[in-house]
Amino acid sequence: MKILFVVTSHDKLGDTGHKTGFWVEEFAAPYYKFTDAGYEVTVATPKGGQAPIDPNSEAPSAQTDATKRYYSDAKVQDVITHTHKLHEMNASDFDAIFYPGGHGPLWDLANDTKSAQLILDFYNSGKLVGAVCHAPGAFKNVKFENGEPFVKGKNVTGFSNTEEAAVKLTDVVPFLVENELKNLGGNYSKVDDWGVHVVEDGLLITGQNPASSESVAEKMIDRLK
């Protein structure tokens, strides 16, 4: 079975002068869950090539067994250096799609028409769509043919307003994931900051924060068996 990982190409944290990108743990933990289970993972970004890593995700406090494995895995680091171009990807070539978070997706994937089309193509083909932390922000402009938002009426989660406040980026991000999911008509739920929370609604599986990334992958694997 084949899984498509869609990762951000965006590396600027608003007007702060700081860098952003994808969150290493949210990529590494699911990546190894899938590959250890025998799945083939393809990684694509809007621009292709090097996917930017959020420097904050490299802090000692953000490290897990999965990130340590990633940093000692030259082969997987090479995958991140040479990502495929998103516009070359087709849902028919994969069994599921997964979006790791980090703040980057709020700027590029939230407004990417190819990403939006892929999400619909997977979903309408009866294939799983997974996203964790800030990555559910990629659903912002995804609409069905009748104009209804993709998440309307669906049970979802994503990075909470209180978690965004805790990292002091509430006024930096282009939108708050929790607010946006609610505005789109999603049935948003959360647990205490940094707790594990995964929500499954039909073909859509979402996780609240970095701690939830591995569990999202496990849920997807259970469904794909």
Protein backbone atom coordinates (compact mmCIF):
# COMPACT_ATOMS: atom_id res chain seq x y z
CA MET A 1 0.00 0.00 0.00
CA LYS A 2 1.11 3.54 -0.74
CA ILE A 3 0.68 6.67 1.39
CA LEU A 4 1.09 10.24 0.14
CA PHE A 5 2.54 12.66 2.71
CA VAL A 6 1.88 16.32 1.86
CA VAL A 7 4.39 18.62 3.55
CA THR A 8 4.67 22.42 3.55
CA SER A 9 7.15 24.39 1.45
CA HIS A 10 6.64 27.58 3.48
CA ASP A 11 9.52 28.70 5.70
CA LYS A 12 8.71 32.26 6.86
CA LEU A 13 6.95 32.80 10.20
CA GLY A 14 4.86 35.78 9.15
CA ASP A 15 6.70 39.09 9.51
CA THR A 16 8.71 38.00 12.55
CA GLY A 17 11.95 37.37 10.67
CA HIS A 18 11.94 33.84 12.09
CA LYS A 19 11.71 30.60 10.16
CA THR A 20 8.98 27.97 10.18
CA GLY A 21 8.18 24.84 8.18
CA PHE A 22 7.02 21.36 9.13
CA TRP A 23 7.28 19.91 12.63
CA VAL A 24 9.81 17.08 12.63
CA GLU A 25 7.96 14.87 15.13
CA GLU A 26 4.71 15.12 13.18
CA PHE A 27 6.50 13.87 10.10
CA ALA A 28 8.86 11.34 11.66
CA ALA A 29 6.49 9.48 13.99
CA PRO A 30 3.83 8.79 11.33
CA TYR A 31 6.47 8.15 8.64
CA TYR A 32 8.08 5.39 10.67
CA LYS A 33 4.71 4.00 11.77
CA PHE A 34 3.72 3.57 8.13
CA THR A 35 7.06 2.33 6.79
CA ASP A 36 7.61 -0.08 9.69
CA ALA A 37 4.17 -1.52 8.88
CA GLY A 38 5.28 -2.11 5.29
CA TYR A 39 3.70 0.91 3.61
CA GLU A 40 5.46 2.86 0.89
CA VAL A 41 5.51 6.60 1.65
CA THR A 42 5.91 9.31 -0.98
CA VAL A 43 6.55 12.86 0.23
CA ALA A 44 5.40 15.85 -1.83
CA THR A 45 5.48 19.62 -1.30
CA PRO A 46 4.05 22.53 -3.30
CA LYS A 47 7.51 23.54 -4.54
CA GLY A 48 9.25 20.16 -4.53
CA GLY A 49 12.82 19.75 -3.33
CA GLN A 50 13.90 20.64 0.20
CA ALA A 51 11.06 20.80 2.69
CA PRO A 52 11.78 23.39 5.40
CA ILE A 53 12.00 22.21 9.00
CA ASP A 54 10.56 24.39 11.75
CA PRO A 55 13.60 25.26 13.90
CA ASN A 56 11.46 25.10 17.05
CA SER A 57 10.81 21.43 16.36
CA GLU A 58 14.56 20.82 16.65
CA ALA A 59 14.63 22.07 20.27
CA PRO A 60 15.72 19.47 22.85
CA SER A 61 12.29 19.59 24.50
CA ALA A 62 10.61 18.58 21.23
CA GLN A 63 12.60 15.41 20.70
CA THR A 64 11.10 11.91 20.78
CA ASP A 65 12.30 8.45 19.82
CA ALA A 66 10.97 9.09 16.31
CA THR A 67 12.85 12.38 15.87
CA LYS A 68 16.08 10.84 17.16
CA ARG A 69 15.64 8.08 14.62
CA TYR A 70 15.05 10.67 11.88
CA TYR A 71 18.22 12.61 12.71
CA SER A 72 20.30 9.44 12.45
CA ASP A 73 18.57 8.30 9.26
CA ALA A 74 20.35 9.76 6.24
CA LYS A 75 18.01 7.98 3.84
CA VAL A 76 14.86 9.61 5.22
CA GLN A 77 16.58 13.00 5.51
CA ASP A 78 17.31 12.63 1.80
CA VAL A 79 13.58 12.08 1.20
CA ILE A 80 12.93 15.48 2.83
CA THR A 81 15.70 17.05 0.74
CA HIS A 82 14.24 15.75 -2.51
CA THR A 83 10.46 15.90 -2.13
CA HIS A 84 8.23 15.43 -5.16
CA LYS A 85 6.22 18.31 -6.61
CA LEU A 86 2.66 18.27 -5.39
CA HIS A 87 1.18 19.07 -8.80
CA GLU A 88 2.60 15.79 -10.14
CA MET A 89 0.71 13.68 -7.60
CA ASN A 90 -2.54 11.83 -8.32
CA ALA A 91 -4.91 10.27 -5.80
CA SER A 92 -5.31 7.19 -8.01
CA ASP A 93 -1.68 6.23 -7.29
CA PHE A 94 -2.13 6.05 -3.50
CA ASP A 95 -4.25 4.40 -0.82
CA ALA A 96 -4.36 7.32 1.66
CA ILE A 97 -3.12 10.88 2.17
CA PHE A 98 -1.57 12.35 5.31
CA TYR A 99 -0.66 15.92 6.28
CA PRO A 100 1.99 16.53 8.99
CA GLY A 101 1.76 19.90 10.73
CA GLY A 102 4.04 22.71 11.72
CA HIS A 103 2.99 26.32 11.16
CA GLY A 104 4.01 26.32 7.48
CA PRO A 105 0.77 24.76 6.13
CA LEU A 106 -1.24 27.76 7.37
CA TRP A 107 0.43 29.89 4.72
CA ASP A 108 0.80 27.61 1.71
CA LEU A 109 -1.29 24.42 1.91
CA ALA A 110 -4.32 26.31 3.25
CA ASN A 111 -4.43 28.16 -0.09
CA ASP A 112 -3.08 25.48 -2.44
CA THR A 113 -5.59 24.48 -5.11
CA LYS A 114 -3.79 21.24 -5.97
CA SER A 115 -3.78 20.20 -2.32
CA ALA A 116 -7.50 21.00 -2.06
CA GLN A 117 -8.22 18.93 -5.15
CA LEU A 118 -6.20 15.99 -3.87
CA ILE A 119 -8.08 15.99 -0.56
CA LEU A 120 -11.38 15.82 -2.45
CA ASP A 121 -10.07 13.20 -4.88
CA PHE A 122 -8.97 10.93 -2.04
CA TYR A 123 -12.15 11.48 -0.05
CA ASN A 124 -14.51 11.04 -3.00
CA SER A 125 -12.66 7.83 -3.95
CA GLY A 126 -13.31 6.37 -0.50
CA LYS A 127 -9.71 6.83 0.65
CA LEU A 128 -8.53 8.01 4.06
CA VAL A 129 -7.50 11.61 4.70
CA GLY A 130 -5.34 12.25 7.78
CA ALA A 131 -3.95 15.47 9.26
CA VAL A 132 -2.38 16.51 12.54
CA CYS A 133 -1.87 19.71 14.55
CA HIS A 134 -1.78 22.74 12.18
CA ALA A 135 -2.26 20.59 9.09
CA PRO A 136 -6.09 20.55 9.34
CA GLY A 137 -5.65 24.20 8.35
CA ALA A 138 -5.12 22.77 4.86
CA PHE A 139 -8.89 22.16 4.78
CA LYS A 140 -9.58 25.92 4.89
CA ASN A 141 -10.45 26.31 1.21
CA VAL A 142 -11.51 22.75 0.40
CA LYS A 143 -15.09 22.71 -0.84
CA PHE A 144 -17.28 20.09 -2.45
CA GLU A 145 -18.83 20.75 -5.86
CA ASN A 146 -21.96 22.10 -4.18
CA GLY A 147 -19.86 24.72 -2.39
CA GLU A 148 -20.12 23.11 1.04
CA PRO A 149 -16.89 23.23 3.12
CA PHE A 150 -15.10 19.88 3.35
CA VAL A 151 -15.23 19.84 7.17
CA LYS A 152 -18.82 21.05 7.56
CA GLY A 153 -20.69 18.69 9.88
CA LYS A 154 -17.62 16.53 10.45
CA ASN A 155 -16.04 15.77 13.81
CA VAL A 156 -12.54 17.26 13.71
CA THR A 157 -9.65 18.47 15.82
CA GLY A 158 -6.44 20.43 15.31
CA PHE A 159 -4.09 22.77 17.17
CA SER A 160 -6.15 24.56 19.81
CA ASN A 161 -6.35 28.30 20.49
CA THR A 162 -4.88 27.78 23.95
CA GLU A 163 -1.95 25.82 22.52
CA GLU A 164 -1.32 28.61 19.99
CA ALA A 165 -1.40 31.12 22.84
CA ALA A 166 1.05 28.97 24.79
CA VAL A 167 3.60 29.19 21.96
CA LYS A 168 2.87 32.95 21.67
CA LEU A 169 1.97 32.90 17.97
CA THR A 170 -1.72 33.82 18.14
CA ASP A 171 -1.03 37.21 16.52
CA VAL A 172 1.49 35.86 14.01
CA VAL A 173 -0.39 33.06 12.24
CA PRO A 174 -2.75 33.98 9.36
CA PHE A 175 -5.61 32.20 11.15
CA LEU A 176 -6.25 30.01 14.19
CA VAL A 177 -6.90 26.37 13.33
CA GLU A 178 -9.55 25.89 16.03
CA ASN A 179 -11.47 29.01 14.97
CA GLU A 180 -11.25 28.17 11.28
CA LEU A 181 -12.52 24.61 11.69
CA LYS A 182 -15.45 25.94 13.71
CA ASN A 183 -16.15 28.72 11.19
CA LEU A 184 -16.28 26.11 8.42
CA GLY A 185 -18.97 24.21 10.32
CA GLY A 186 -16.78 21.47 11.73
CA ASN A 187 -17.63 19.87 15.07
CA TYR A 188 -14.35 20.77 16.74
CA SER A 189 -13.21 19.08 19.95
CA LYS A 190 -10.04 19.23 22.03
CA VAL A 191 -8.47 18.00 25.24
CA ASP A 192 -6.09 19.78 27.60
CA ASP A 193 -3.08 21.41 25.95
CA TRP A 194 -0.51 18.89 24.63
CA GLY A 195 -2.70 15.89 25.46
CA VAL A 196 -3.26 13.10 22.92
CA HIS A 197 -6.52 13.60 21.03
CA VAL A 198 -7.49 11.90 17.76
CA VAL A 199 -10.87 12.27 16.09
CA GLU A 200 -12.18 9.84 13.50
CA ASP A 201 -15.15 10.71 11.30
CA GLY A 202 -15.64 8.35 8.40
CA LEU A 203 -12.68 8.77 6.05
CA LEU A 204 -11.30 11.78 7.95
CA ILE A 205 -8.84 11.29 10.83
CA THR A 206 -7.39 14.33 12.62
CA GLY A 207 -5.05 14.86 15.58
CA GLN A 208 -4.82 17.87 17.89
CA ASN A 209 -1.08 18.40 18.35
CA PRO A 210 2.40 16.82 18.03
CA ALA A 211 1.61 14.31 20.78
CA SER A 212 -1.27 13.01 18.65
CA SER A 213 0.67 12.39 15.43
CA GLU A 214 1.61 8.78 16.09
CA SER A 215 -1.95 7.92 17.10
CA VAL A 216 -3.34 9.38 13.86
CA ALA A 217 -1.02 7.10 11.87
CA GLU A 218 -2.02 4.11 14.01
CA LYS A 219 -5.71 4.81 13.40
CA MET A 220 -5.09 5.08 9.67
CA ILE A 221 -3.13 1.81 9.63
CA ASP A 222 -5.94 0.05 11.53
CA ARG A 223 -8.41 1.25 8.90
CA LEU A 224 -6.19 0.30 5.98
CA LYS A 225 -5.67 -3.30 7.08
